[in-house]
Amino acid sequence: MKPEKRKRLEAAGWRVGTTSEFLELTDEEAALIELKLDLARAVKAERMRRKMTQEELGERLGSSQSRVAKMEGGDPSVSIDLLIRALLRLGVNRRDLVRHLSVSTNKRAA
């Protein structure tokens, strides 16, 4: 949020904070959510890099296109296990998996 907008909102009586503060998340809960979102973005990036449709990935996983859409959209019903399994099924190795996660972490820190 731009500093001017923040000042304007606070001057109008609004309390401005982070999503984690609003939801009263612990640092661990926030980190887990970020990890799941990073994995979801990685699934989408790898699928698109391989020029696959969601339906094709669903077939590879023994699942459906709608489930892949939920995976890529960060749906809370999707487990970390399923996200990692999808990445492995896409041919991502451990080193690439770590690279995906470190790139996401570096972008957030910037």
PDB file of N, CA and C in Angstrom:
ATOM      1  N   MET A   1       0.848  -1.177   0.000  1.00  0.00           N
ATOM      2  CA  MET A   1       0.000   0.000   0.000  1.00  0.00           C
ATOM      3  C   MET A   1       0.895   1.241   0.000  1.00  0.00           C
ATOM      4  N   LYS A   2       0.508   2.187  -0.792  1.00  0.00           N
ATOM      5  CA  LYS A   2       1.271   3.424  -0.878  1.00  0.00           C
ATOM      6  C   LYS A   2       1.158   4.187   0.443  1.00  0.00           C
ATOM      7  N   PRO A   3       2.271   4.815   0.876  1.00  0.00           N
ATOM      8  CA  PRO A   3       2.266   5.534   2.155  1.00  0.00           C
ATOM      9  C   PRO A   3       1.189   6.620   2.244  1.00  0.00           C
ATOM     10  N   GLU A   4       0.944   7.310   1.121  1.00  0.00           N
ATOM     11  CA  GLU A   4      -0.072   8.382   1.147  1.00  0.00           C
ATOM     12  C   GLU A   4      -1.456   7.804   1.438  1.00  0.00           C
ATOM     13  N   LYS A   5      -1.747   6.689   0.804  1.00  0.00           N
ATOM     14  CA  LYS A   5      -3.056   6.063   0.999  1.00  0.00           C
ATOM     15  C   LYS A   5      -3.187   5.572   2.440  1.00  0.00           C
ATOM     16  N   ARG A   6      -2.120   4.979   2.961  1.00  0.00           N
ATOM     17  CA  ARG A   6      -2.140   4.500   4.343  1.00  0.00           C
ATOM     18  C   ARG A   6      -2.425   5.656   5.315  1.00  0.00           C
ATOM     19  N   LYS A   7      -1.724   6.778   5.121  1.00  0.00           N
ATOM     20  CA  LYS A   7      -1.924   7.943   5.989  1.00  0.00           C
ATOM     21  C   LYS A   7      -3.357   8.452   5.892  1.00  0.00           C
ATOM     22  N   ARG A   8      -3.891   8.476   4.673  1.00  0.00           N
ATOM     23  CA  ARG A   8      -5.250   8.957   4.455  1.00  0.00           C
ATOM     24  C   ARG A   8      -6.266   8.058   5.172  1.00  0.00           C
ATOM     25  N   LEU A   9      -6.074   6.756   5.068  1.00  0.00           N
ATOM     26  CA  LEU A   9      -6.983   5.818   5.724  1.00  0.00           C
ATOM     27  C   LEU A   9      -6.893   5.922   7.250  1.00  0.00           C
ATOM     28  N   GLU A  10      -5.668   6.007   7.756  1.00  0.00           N
ATOM     29  CA  GLU A  10      -5.489   6.123   9.202  1.00  0.00           C
ATOM     30  C   GLU A  10      -6.078   7.438   9.720  1.00  0.00           C
ATOM     31  N   ALA A  11      -5.937   8.509   8.944  1.00  0.00           N
ATOM     32  CA  ALA A  11      -6.498   9.799   9.336  1.00  0.00           C
ATOM     33  C   ALA A  11      -8.024   9.749   9.374  1.00  0.00           C
ATOM     34  N   ALA A  12      -8.604   8.887   8.531  1.00  0.00           N
ATOM     35  CA  ALA A  12     -10.059   8.747   8.497  1.00  0.00           C
ATOM     36  C   ALA A  12     -10.561   7.793   9.578  1.00  0.00           C
ATOM     37  N   GLY A  13      -9.629   7.257  10.395  1.00  0.00           N
ATOM     38  CA  GLY A  13     -10.039   6.393  11.491  1.00  0.00           C
ATOM     39  C   GLY A  13      -9.915   4.900  11.216  1.00  0.00           C
ATOM     40  N   TRP A  14      -9.412   4.539  10.047  1.00  0.00           N
ATOM     41  CA  TRP A  14      -9.234   3.126   9.727  1.00  0.00           C
ATOM     42  C   TRP A  14      -7.962   2.612  10.373  1.00  0.00           C
ATOM     43  N   ARG A  15      -7.996   1.353  10.784  1.00  0.00           N
ATOM     44  CA  ARG A  15      -6.808   0.698  11.311  1.00  0.00           C
ATOM     45  C   ARG A  15      -6.200  -0.125  10.177  1.00  0.00           C
ATOM     46  N   VAL A  16      -4.962   0.130   9.851  1.00  0.00           N
ATOM     47  CA  VAL A  16      -4.307  -0.533   8.733  1.00  0.00           C
ATOM     48  C   VAL A  16      -3.278  -1.516   9.286  1.00  0.00           C
ATOM     49  N   GLY A  17      -3.313  -2.749   8.756  1.00  0.00           N
ATOM     50  CA  GLY A  17      -2.368  -3.764   9.203  1.00  0.00           C
ATOM     51  C   GLY A  17      -2.200  -4.831   8.145  1.00  0.00           C
ATOM     52  N   THR A  18      -1.571  -5.904   8.528  1.00  0.00           N
ATOM     53  CA  THR A  18      -1.331  -6.997   7.601  1.00  0.00           C
ATOM     54  C   THR A  18      -2.449  -8.030   7.705  1.00  0.00           C
ATOM     55  N   THR A  19      -2.488  -8.914   6.738  1.00  0.00           N
ATOM     56  CA  THR A  19      -3.455 -10.009   6.761  1.00  0.00           C
ATOM     57  C   THR A  19      -3.219 -10.879   7.985  1.00  0.00           C
ATOM     58  N   SER A  20      -1.966 -11.141   8.281  1.00  0.00           N
ATOM     59  CA  SER A  20      -1.632 -11.972   9.444  1.00  0.00           C
ATOM     60  C   SER A  20      -2.127 -11.348  10.736  1.00  0.00           C
ATOM     61  N   GLU A  21      -1.988 -10.034  10.852  1.00  0.00           N
ATOM     62  CA  GLU A  21      -2.484  -9.344  12.052  1.00  0.00           C
ATOM     63  C   GLU A  21      -4.005  -9.433  12.126  1.00  0.00           C
ATOM     64  N   PHE A  22      -4.671  -9.215  11.006  1.00  0.00           N
ATOM     65  CA  PHE A  22      -6.134  -9.253  10.975  1.00  0.00           C
ATOM     66  C   PHE A  22      -6.654 -10.633  11.365  1.00  0.00           C
ATOM     67  N   LEU A  23      -6.004 -11.674  10.846  1.00  0.00           N
ATOM     68  CA  LEU A  23      -6.447 -13.045  11.130  1.00  0.00           C
ATOM     69  C   LEU A  23      -5.836 -13.606  12.413  1.00  0.00           C
ATOM     70  N   GLU A  24      -4.981 -12.810  13.049  1.00  0.00           N
ATOM     71  CA  GLU A  24      -4.292 -13.213  14.277  1.00  0.00           C
ATOM     72  C   GLU A  24      -3.534 -14.523  14.094  1.00  0.00           C
ATOM     73  N   LEU A  25      -2.771 -14.588  12.996  1.00  0.00           N
ATOM     74  CA  LEU A  25      -1.983 -15.777  12.695  1.00  0.00           C
ATOM     75  C   LEU A  25      -0.655 -15.736  13.437  1.00  0.00           C
ATOM     76  N   THR A  26      -0.221 -16.893  13.876  1.00  0.00           N
ATOM     77  CA  THR A  26       1.131 -16.976  14.423  1.00  0.00           C
ATOM     78  C   THR A  26       2.110 -16.919  13.249  1.00  0.00           C
ATOM     79  N   ASP A  27       3.370 -16.700  13.560  1.00  0.00           N
ATOM     80  CA  ASP A  27       4.387 -16.687  12.503  1.00  0.00           C
ATOM     81  C   ASP A  27       4.417 -18.026  11.771  1.00  0.00           C
ATOM     82  N   GLU A  28       4.233 -19.112  12.517  1.00  0.00           N
ATOM     83  CA  GLU A  28       4.251 -20.446  11.915  1.00  0.00           C
ATOM     84  C   GLU A  28       3.062 -20.646  10.981  1.00  0.00           C
ATOM     85  N   GLU A  29       1.885 -20.191  11.386  1.00  0.00           N
ATOM     86  CA  GLU A  29       0.693 -20.317  10.533  1.00  0.00           C
ATOM     87  C   GLU A  29       0.858 -19.508   9.249  1.00  0.00           C
ATOM     88  N   ALA A  30       1.372 -18.303   9.377  1.00  0.00           N
ATOM     89  CA  ALA A  30       1.594 -17.458   8.194  1.00  0.00           C
ATOM     90  C   ALA A  30       2.621 -18.101   7.263  1.00  0.00           C
ATOM     91  N   ALA A  31       3.682 -18.684   7.830  1.00  0.00           N
ATOM     92  CA  ALA A  31       4.709 -19.332   7.017  1.00  0.00           C
ATOM     93  C   ALA A  31       4.139 -20.545   6.283  1.00  0.00           C
ATOM     94  N   LEU A  32       3.283 -21.303   6.942  1.00  0.00           N
ATOM     95  CA  LEU A  32       2.662 -22.468   6.307  1.00  0.00           C
ATOM     96  C   LEU A  32       1.777 -22.047   5.134  1.00  0.00           C
ATOM     97  N   ILE A  33       1.022 -20.991   5.313  1.00  0.00           N
ATOM     98  CA  ILE A  33       0.168 -20.487   4.231  1.00  0.00           C
ATOM     99  C   ILE A  33       1.021 -20.032   3.060  1.00  0.00           C
ATOM    100  N   GLU A  34       2.095 -19.308   3.339  1.00  0.00           N
ATOM    101  CA  GLU A  34       2.988 -18.839   2.276  1.00  0.00           C
ATOM    102  C   GLU A  34       3.629 -20.018   1.546  1.00  0.00           C
ATOM    103  N   LEU A  35       3.990 -21.053   2.293  1.00  0.00           N
ATOM    104  CA  LEU A  35       4.581 -22.241   1.678  1.00  0.00           C
ATOM    105  C   LEU A  35       3.590 -22.899   0.720  1.00  0.00           C
ATOM    106  N   LYS A  36       2.352 -23.042   1.151  1.00  0.00           N
ATOM    107  CA  LYS A  36       1.335 -23.645   0.286  1.00  0.00           C
ATOM    108  C   LYS A  36       1.105 -22.800  -0.963  1.00  0.00           C
ATOM    109  N   LEU A  37       1.066 -21.490  -0.809  1.00  0.00           N
ATOM    110  CA  LEU A  37       0.868 -20.616  -1.962  1.00  0.00           C
ATOM    111  C   LEU A  37       2.066 -20.675  -2.914  1.00  0.00           C
ATOM    112  N   ASP A  38       3.273 -20.761  -2.358  1.00  0.00           N
ATOM    113  CA  ASP A  38       4.472 -20.898  -3.201  1.00  0.00           C
ATOM    114  C   ASP A  38       4.411 -22.192  -3.996  1.00  0.00           C
ATOM    115  N   LEU A  39       4.003 -23.279  -3.350  1.00  0.00           N
ATOM    116  CA  LEU A  39       3.897 -24.563  -4.040  1.00  0.00           C
ATOM    117  C   LEU A  39       2.812 -24.512  -5.118  1.00  0.00           C
ATOM    118  N   ALA A  40       1.701 -23.855  -4.820  1.00  0.00           N
ATOM    119  CA  ALA A  40       0.615 -23.730  -5.803  1.00  0.00           C
ATOM    120  C   ALA A  40       1.091 -22.960  -7.033  1.00  0.00           C
ATOM    121  N   ARG A  41       1.831 -21.877  -6.806  1.00  0.00           N
ATOM    122  CA  ARG A  41       2.377 -21.105  -7.936  1.00  0.00           C
ATOM    123  C   ARG A  41       3.365 -21.947  -8.728  1.00  0.00           C
ATOM    124  N   ALA A  42       4.151 -22.764  -8.035  1.00  0.00           N
ATOM    125  CA  ALA A  42       5.129 -23.621  -8.710  1.00  0.00           C
ATOM    126  C   ALA A  42       4.436 -24.662  -9.584  1.00  0.00           C
ATOM    127  N   VAL A  43       3.326 -25.239  -9.102  1.00  0.00           N
ATOM    128  CA  VAL A  43       2.585 -26.215  -9.904  1.00  0.00           C
ATOM    129  C   VAL A  43       2.111 -25.564 -11.202  1.00  0.00           C
ATOM    130  N   LYS A  44       1.542 -24.389 -11.083  1.00  0.00           N
ATOM    131  CA  LYS A  44       1.043 -23.704 -12.270  1.00  0.00           C
ATOM    132  C   LYS A  44       2.192 -23.360 -13.226  1.00  0.00           C
ATOM    133  N   ALA A  45       3.284 -22.837 -12.680  1.00  0.00           N
ATOM    134  CA  ALA A  45       4.427 -22.456 -13.515  1.00  0.00           C
ATOM    135  C   ALA A  45       5.000 -23.664 -14.246  1.00  0.00           C
ATOM    136  N   GLU A  46       5.149 -24.770 -13.544  1.00  0.00           N
ATOM    137  CA  GLU A  46       5.714 -25.978 -14.171  1.00  0.00           C
ATOM    138  C   GLU A  46       4.755 -26.563 -15.207  1.00  0.00           C
ATOM    139  N   ARG A  47       3.472 -26.556 -14.905  1.00  0.00           N
ATOM    140  CA  ARG A  47       2.481 -27.066 -15.867  1.00  0.00           C
ATOM    141  C   ARG A  47       2.511 -26.230 -17.141  1.00  0.00           C
ATOM    142  N   MET A  48       2.531 -24.923 -16.986  1.00  0.00           N
ATOM    143  CA  MET A  48       2.537 -24.039 -18.147  1.00  0.00           C
ATOM    144  C   MET A  48       3.858 -24.148 -18.919  1.00  0.00           C
ATOM    145  N   ARG A  49       4.961 -24.305 -18.206  1.00  0.00           N
ATOM    146  CA  ARG A  49       6.264 -24.452 -18.850  1.00  0.00           C
ATOM    147  C   ARG A  49       6.286 -25.695 -19.741  1.00  0.00           C
ATOM    148  N   ARG A  50       5.553 -26.701 -19.329  1.00  0.00           N
ATOM    149  CA  ARG A  50       5.473 -27.940 -20.113  1.00  0.00           C
ATOM    150  C   ARG A  50       4.321 -27.917 -21.120  1.00  0.00           C
ATOM    151  N   LYS A  51       3.645 -26.758 -21.204  1.00  0.00           N
ATOM    152  CA  LYS A  51       2.536 -26.568 -22.147  1.00  0.00           C
ATOM    153  C   LYS A  51       1.452 -27.634 -21.978  1.00  0.00           C
ATOM    154  N   MET A  52       1.124 -27.892 -20.710  1.00  0.00           N
ATOM    155  CA  MET A  52       0.079 -28.861 -20.388  1.00  0.00           C
ATOM    156  C   MET A  52      -1.177 -28.113 -19.961  1.00  0.00           C
ATOM    157  N   THR A  53      -2.313 -28.732 -20.186  1.00  0.00           N
ATOM    158  CA  THR A  53      -3.568 -28.176 -19.681  1.00  0.00           C
ATOM    159  C   THR A  53      -3.790 -28.705 -18.262  1.00  0.00           C
ATOM    160  N   GLN A  54      -4.699 -28.069 -17.567  1.00  0.00           N
ATOM    161  CA  GLN A  54      -5.071 -28.561 -16.237  1.00  0.00           C
ATOM    162  C   GLN A  54      -5.659 -29.968 -16.346  1.00  0.00           C
ATOM    163  N   GLU A  55      -6.398 -30.212 -17.402  1.00  0.00           N
ATOM    164  CA  GLU A  55      -6.997 -31.531 -17.600  1.00  0.00           C
ATOM    165  C   GLU A  55      -5.913 -32.599 -17.776  1.00  0.00           C
ATOM    166  N   GLU A  56      -4.872 -32.283 -18.543  1.00  0.00           N
ATOM    167  CA  GLU A  56      -3.781 -33.241 -18.749  1.00  0.00           C
ATOM    168  C   GLU A  56      -3.055 -33.549 -17.437  1.00  0.00           C
ATOM    169  N   LEU A  57      -2.816 -32.512 -16.645  1.00  0.00           N
ATOM    170  CA  LEU A  57      -2.169 -32.743 -15.357  1.00  0.00           C
ATOM    171  C   LEU A  57      -3.088 -33.558 -14.444  1.00  0.00           C
ATOM    172  N   GLY A  58      -4.368 -33.255 -14.473  1.00  0.00           N
ATOM    173  CA  GLY A  58      -5.324 -34.021 -13.680  1.00  0.00           C
ATOM    174  C   GLY A  58      -5.280 -35.500 -14.024  1.00  0.00           C
ATOM    175  N   GLU A  59      -5.203 -35.801 -15.317  1.00  0.00           N
ATOM    176  CA  GLU A  59      -5.125 -37.202 -15.742  1.00  0.00           C
ATOM    177  C   GLU A  59      -3.853 -37.856 -15.216  1.00  0.00           C
ATOM    178  N   ARG A  60      -2.739 -37.141 -15.272  1.00  0.00           N
ATOM    179  CA  ARG A  60      -1.472 -37.683 -14.753  1.00  0.00           C
ATOM    180  C   ARG A  60      -1.552 -37.984 -13.262  1.00  0.00           C
ATOM    181  N   LEU A  61      -2.337 -37.176 -12.554  1.00  0.00           N
ATOM    182  CA  LEU A  61      -2.468 -37.345 -11.102  1.00  0.00           C
ATOM    183  C   LEU A  61      -3.594 -38.301 -10.727  1.00  0.00           C
ATOM    184  N   GLY A  62      -4.372 -38.740 -11.727  1.00  0.00           N
ATOM    185  CA  GLY A  62      -5.539 -39.562 -11.430  1.00  0.00           C
ATOM    186  C   GLY A  62      -6.616 -38.728 -10.774  1.00  0.00           C
ATOM    187  N   SER A  63      -6.698 -37.474 -11.182  1.00  0.00           N
ATOM    188  CA  SER A  63      -7.634 -36.529 -10.593  1.00  0.00           C
ATOM    189  C   SER A  63      -8.376 -35.799 -11.706  1.00  0.00           C
ATOM    190  N   SER A  64      -8.944 -34.655 -11.382  1.00  0.00           N
ATOM    191  CA  SER A  64      -9.751 -33.907 -12.348  1.00  0.00           C
ATOM    192  C   SER A  64      -9.151 -32.526 -12.620  1.00  0.00           C
ATOM    193  N   GLN A  65      -9.635 -31.911 -13.683  1.00  0.00           N
ATOM    194  CA  GLN A  65      -9.211 -30.550 -14.026  1.00  0.00           C
ATOM    195  C   GLN A  65      -9.587 -29.591 -12.912  1.00  0.00           C
ATOM    196  N   SER A  66     -10.767 -29.767 -12.326  1.00  0.00           N
ATOM    197  CA  SER A  66     -11.200 -28.840 -11.277  1.00  0.00           C
ATOM    198  C   SER A  66     -10.313 -28.945 -10.036  1.00  0.00           C
ATOM    199  N   ARG A  67      -9.810 -30.140  -9.760  1.00  0.00           N
ATOM    200  CA  ARG A  67      -8.905 -30.314  -8.619  1.00  0.00           C
ATOM    201  C   ARG A  67      -7.585 -29.605  -8.900  1.00  0.00           C
ATOM    202  N   VAL A  68      -7.099 -29.683 -10.129  1.00  0.00           N
ATOM    203  CA  VAL A  68      -5.864 -28.988 -10.493  1.00  0.00           C
ATOM    204  C   VAL A  68      -6.084 -27.479 -10.375  1.00  0.00           C
ATOM    205  N   ALA A  69      -7.246 -26.999 -10.790  1.00  0.00           N
ATOM    206  CA  ALA A  69      -7.549 -25.565 -10.656  1.00  0.00           C
ATOM    207  C   ALA A  69      -7.525 -25.152  -9.187  1.00  0.00           C
ATOM    208  N   LYS A  70      -8.057 -26.000  -8.316  1.00  0.00           N
ATOM    209  CA  LYS A  70      -8.020 -25.704  -6.880  1.00  0.00           C
ATOM    210  C   LYS A  70      -6.582 -25.700  -6.370  1.00  0.00           C
ATOM    211  N   MET A  71      -5.787 -26.634  -6.865  1.00  0.00           N
ATOM    212  CA  MET A  71      -4.380 -26.686  -6.455  1.00  0.00           C
ATOM    213  C   MET A  71      -3.677 -25.386  -6.831  1.00  0.00           C
ATOM    214  N   GLU A  72      -3.846 -24.975  -8.074  1.00  0.00           N
ATOM    215  CA  GLU A  72      -3.165 -23.780  -8.557  1.00  0.00           C
ATOM    216  C   GLU A  72      -3.722 -22.509  -7.937  1.00  0.00           C
ATOM    217  N   GLY A  73      -4.961 -22.552  -7.497  1.00  0.00           N
ATOM    218  CA  GLY A  73      -5.580 -21.382  -6.893  1.00  0.00           C
ATOM    219  C   GLY A  73      -5.340 -21.251  -5.398  1.00  0.00           C
ATOM    220  N   GLY A  74      -4.614 -22.209  -4.821  1.00  0.00           N
ATOM    221  CA  GLY A  74      -4.309 -22.121  -3.394  1.00  0.00           C
ATOM    222  C   GLY A  74      -5.483 -22.473  -2.493  1.00  0.00           C
ATOM    223  N   ASP A  75      -6.406 -23.289  -2.987  1.00  0.00           N
ATOM    224  CA  ASP A  75      -7.565 -23.690  -2.190  1.00  0.00           C
ATOM    225  C   ASP A  75      -7.103 -24.375  -0.905  1.00  0.00           C
ATOM    226  N   PRO A  76      -7.682 -23.992   0.239  1.00  0.00           N
ATOM    227  CA  PRO A  76      -7.241 -24.569   1.514  1.00  0.00           C
ATOM    228  C   PRO A  76      -7.501 -26.069   1.648  1.00  0.00           C
ATOM    229  N   SER A  77      -8.361 -26.633   0.806  1.00  0.00           N
ATOM    230  CA  SER A  77      -8.643 -28.067   0.893  1.00  0.00           C
ATOM    231  C   SER A  77      -7.541 -28.912   0.263  1.00  0.00           C
ATOM    232  N   VAL A  78      -6.611 -28.278  -0.424  1.00  0.00           N
ATOM    233  CA  VAL A  78      -5.513 -28.977  -1.090  1.00  0.00           C
ATOM    234  C   VAL A  78      -4.350 -29.118  -0.110  1.00  0.00           C
ATOM    235  N   SER A  79      -3.841 -30.329   0.018  1.00  0.00           N
ATOM    236  CA  SER A  79      -2.741 -30.581   0.957  1.00  0.00           C
ATOM    237  C   SER A  79      -1.387 -30.252   0.327  1.00  0.00           C
ATOM    238  N   ILE A  80      -0.428 -29.993   1.189  1.00  0.00           N
ATOM    239  CA  ILE A  80       0.943 -29.788   0.740  1.00  0.00           C
ATOM    240  C   ILE A  80       1.442 -31.052   0.047  1.00  0.00           C
ATOM    241  N   ASP A  81       1.040 -32.192   0.572  1.00  0.00           N
ATOM    242  CA  ASP A  81       1.416 -33.479  -0.018  1.00  0.00           C
ATOM    243  C   ASP A  81       0.986 -33.550  -1.482  1.00  0.00           C
ATOM    244  N   LEU A  82      -0.241 -33.160  -1.779  1.00  0.00           N
ATOM    245  CA  LEU A  82      -0.738 -33.214  -3.155  1.00  0.00           C
ATOM    246  C   LEU A  82       0.015 -32.234  -4.052  1.00  0.00           C
ATOM    247  N   LEU A  83       0.329 -31.067  -3.548  1.00  0.00           N
ATOM    248  CA  LEU A  83       1.074 -30.085  -4.337  1.00  0.00           C
ATOM    249  C   LEU A  83       2.465 -30.616  -4.686  1.00  0.00           C
ATOM    250  N   ILE A  84       3.129 -31.217  -3.709  1.00  0.00           N
ATOM    251  CA  ILE A  84       4.460 -31.764  -3.963  1.00  0.00           C
ATOM    252  C   ILE A  84       4.368 -32.959  -4.909  1.00  0.00           C
ATOM    253  N   ARG A  85       3.361 -33.807  -4.721  1.00  0.00           N
ATOM    254  CA  ARG A  85       3.178 -34.953  -5.611  1.00  0.00           C
ATOM    255  C   ARG A  85       2.973 -34.486  -7.049  1.00  0.00           C
ATOM    256  N   ALA A  86       2.194 -33.415  -7.231  1.00  0.00           N
ATOM    257  CA  ALA A  86       1.965 -32.874  -8.577  1.00  0.00           C
ATOM    258  C   ALA A  86       3.268 -32.381  -9.190  1.00  0.00           C
ATOM    259  N   LEU A  87       4.073 -31.696  -8.401  1.00  0.00           N
ATOM    260  CA  LEU A  87       5.353 -31.209  -8.913  1.00  0.00           C
ATOM    261  C   LEU A  87       6.260 -32.367  -9.300  1.00  0.00           C
ATOM    262  N   LEU A  88       6.300 -33.401  -8.488  1.00  0.00           N
ATOM    263  CA  LEU A  88       7.118 -34.563  -8.809  1.00  0.00           C
ATOM    264  C   LEU A  88       6.600 -35.256 -10.061  1.00  0.00           C
ATOM    265  N   ARG A  89       5.286 -35.350 -10.198  1.00  0.00           N
ATOM    266  CA  ARG A  89       4.690 -35.968 -11.383  1.00  0.00           C
ATOM    267  C   ARG A  89       4.990 -35.147 -12.634  1.00  0.00           C
ATOM    268  N   LEU A  90       5.171 -33.846 -12.460  1.00  0.00           N
ATOM    269  CA  LEU A  90       5.538 -32.973 -13.577  1.00  0.00           C
ATOM    270  C   LEU A  90       7.021 -33.093 -13.935  1.00  0.00           C
ATOM    271  N   GLY A  91       7.763 -33.854 -13.135  1.00  0.00           N
ATOM    272  CA  GLY A  91       9.177 -34.050 -13.429  1.00  0.00           C
ATOM    273  C   GLY A  91      10.114 -33.151 -12.657  1.00  0.00           C
ATOM    274  N   VAL A  92       9.604 -32.429 -11.681  1.00  0.00           N
ATOM    275  CA  VAL A  92      10.447 -31.548 -10.879  1.00  0.00           C
ATOM    276  C   VAL A  92      11.253 -32.404  -9.900  1.00  0.00           C
ATOM    277  N   ASN A  93      12.555 -32.165  -9.828  1.00  0.00           N
ATOM    278  CA  ASN A  93      13.373 -32.897  -8.859  1.00  0.00           C
ATOM    279  C   ASN A  93      13.504 -32.070  -7.579  1.00  0.00           C
ATOM    280  N   ARG A  94      14.161 -32.621  -6.604  1.00  0.00           N
ATOM    281  CA  ARG A  94      14.291 -31.931  -5.306  1.00  0.00           C
ATOM    282  C   ARG A  94      14.983 -30.581  -5.441  1.00  0.00           C
ATOM    283  N   ARG A  95      16.019 -30.534  -6.240  1.00  0.00           N
ATOM    284  CA  ARG A  95      16.760 -29.280  -6.414  1.00  0.00           C
ATOM    285  C   ARG A  95      15.846 -28.206  -7.017  1.00  0.00           C
ATOM    286  N   ASP A  96      15.062 -28.579  -8.033  1.00  0.00           N
ATOM    287  CA  ASP A  96      14.143 -27.619  -8.652  1.00  0.00           C
ATOM    288  C   ASP A  96      13.049 -27.190  -7.671  1.00  0.00           C
ATOM    289  N   LEU A  97      12.606 -28.120  -6.848  1.00  0.00           N
ATOM    290  CA  LEU A  97      11.588 -27.793  -5.850  1.00  0.00           C
ATOM    291  C   LEU A  97      12.120 -26.744  -4.876  1.00  0.00           C
ATOM    292  N   VAL A  98      13.336 -26.950  -4.411  1.00  0.00           N
ATOM    293  CA  VAL A  98      13.960 -25.980  -3.507  1.00  0.00           C
ATOM    294  C   VAL A  98      14.150 -24.645  -4.223  1.00  0.00           C
ATOM    295  N   ARG A  99      14.525 -24.696  -5.498  1.00  0.00           N
ATOM    296  CA  ARG A  99      14.703 -23.458  -6.275  1.00  0.00           C
ATOM    297  C   ARG A  99      13.396 -22.671  -6.351  1.00  0.00           C
ATOM    298  N   HIS A 100      12.297 -23.375  -6.606  1.00  0.00           N
ATOM    299  CA  HIS A 100      10.995 -22.700  -6.656  1.00  0.00           C
ATOM    300  C   HIS A 100      10.700 -22.000  -5.331  1.00  0.00           C
ATOM    301  N   LEU A 101      10.951 -22.680  -4.250  1.00  0.00           N
ATOM    302  CA  LEU A 101      10.649 -22.109  -2.944  1.00  0.00           C
ATOM    303  C   LEU A 101      11.599 -20.972  -2.587  1.00  0.00           C
ATOM    304  N   SER A 102      12.859 -21.077  -2.942  1.00  0.00           N
ATOM    305  CA  SER A 102      13.804 -20.010  -2.620  1.00  0.00           C
ATOM    306  C   SER A 102      13.559 -18.777  -3.460  1.00  0.00           C
ATOM    307  N   VAL A 103      13.145 -18.950  -4.706  1.00  0.00           N
ATOM    308  CA  VAL A 103      12.811 -17.793  -5.564  1.00  0.00           C
ATOM    309  C   VAL A 103      11.630 -17.051  -4.975  1.00  0.00           C
ATOM    310  N   SER A 104      10.623 -17.771  -4.534  1.00  0.00           N
ATOM    311  CA  SER A 104       9.440 -17.146  -3.944  1.00  0.00           C
ATOM    312  C   SER A 104       9.802 -16.403  -2.676  1.00  0.00           C
ATOM    313  N   THR A 105      10.639 -17.001  -1.843  1.00  0.00           N
ATOM    314  CA  THR A 105      11.057 -16.358  -0.599  1.00  0.00           C
ATOM    315  C   THR A 105      11.842 -15.090  -0.891  1.00  0.00           C
ATOM    316  N   ASN A 106      12.737 -15.149  -1.879  1.00  0.00           N
ATOM    317  CA  ASN A 106      13.532 -13.969  -2.235  1.00  0.00           C
ATOM    318  C   ASN A 106      12.654 -12.848  -2.767  1.00  0.00           C
ATOM    319  N   LYS A 107      11.627 -13.160  -3.525  1.00  0.00           N
ATOM    320  CA  LYS A 107      10.734 -12.133  -4.056  1.00  0.00           C
ATOM    321  C   LYS A 107       9.989 -11.436  -2.921  1.00  0.00           C
ATOM    322  N   ARG A 108       9.575 -12.204  -1.895  1.00  0.00           N
ATOM    323  CA  ARG A 108       8.851 -11.609  -0.771  1.00  0.00           C
ATOM    324  C   ARG A 108       9.768 -10.703   0.035  1.00  0.00           C
ATOM    325  N   ALA A 109      11.040 -11.065   0.138  1.00  0.00           N
ATOM    326  CA  ALA A 109      11.984 -10.285   0.929  1.00  0.00           C
ATOM    327  C   ALA A 109      12.343  -8.969   0.240  1.00  0.00           C
ATOM    328  N   ALA A 110      12.217  -8.939  -1.073  1.00  0.00           N
ATOM    329  CA  ALA A 110      12.605  -7.729  -1.831  1.00  0.00           C
ATOM    330  C   ALA A 110      11.643  -6.593  -1.655  1.00  0.00           C
TER     331      ALA A 110
END
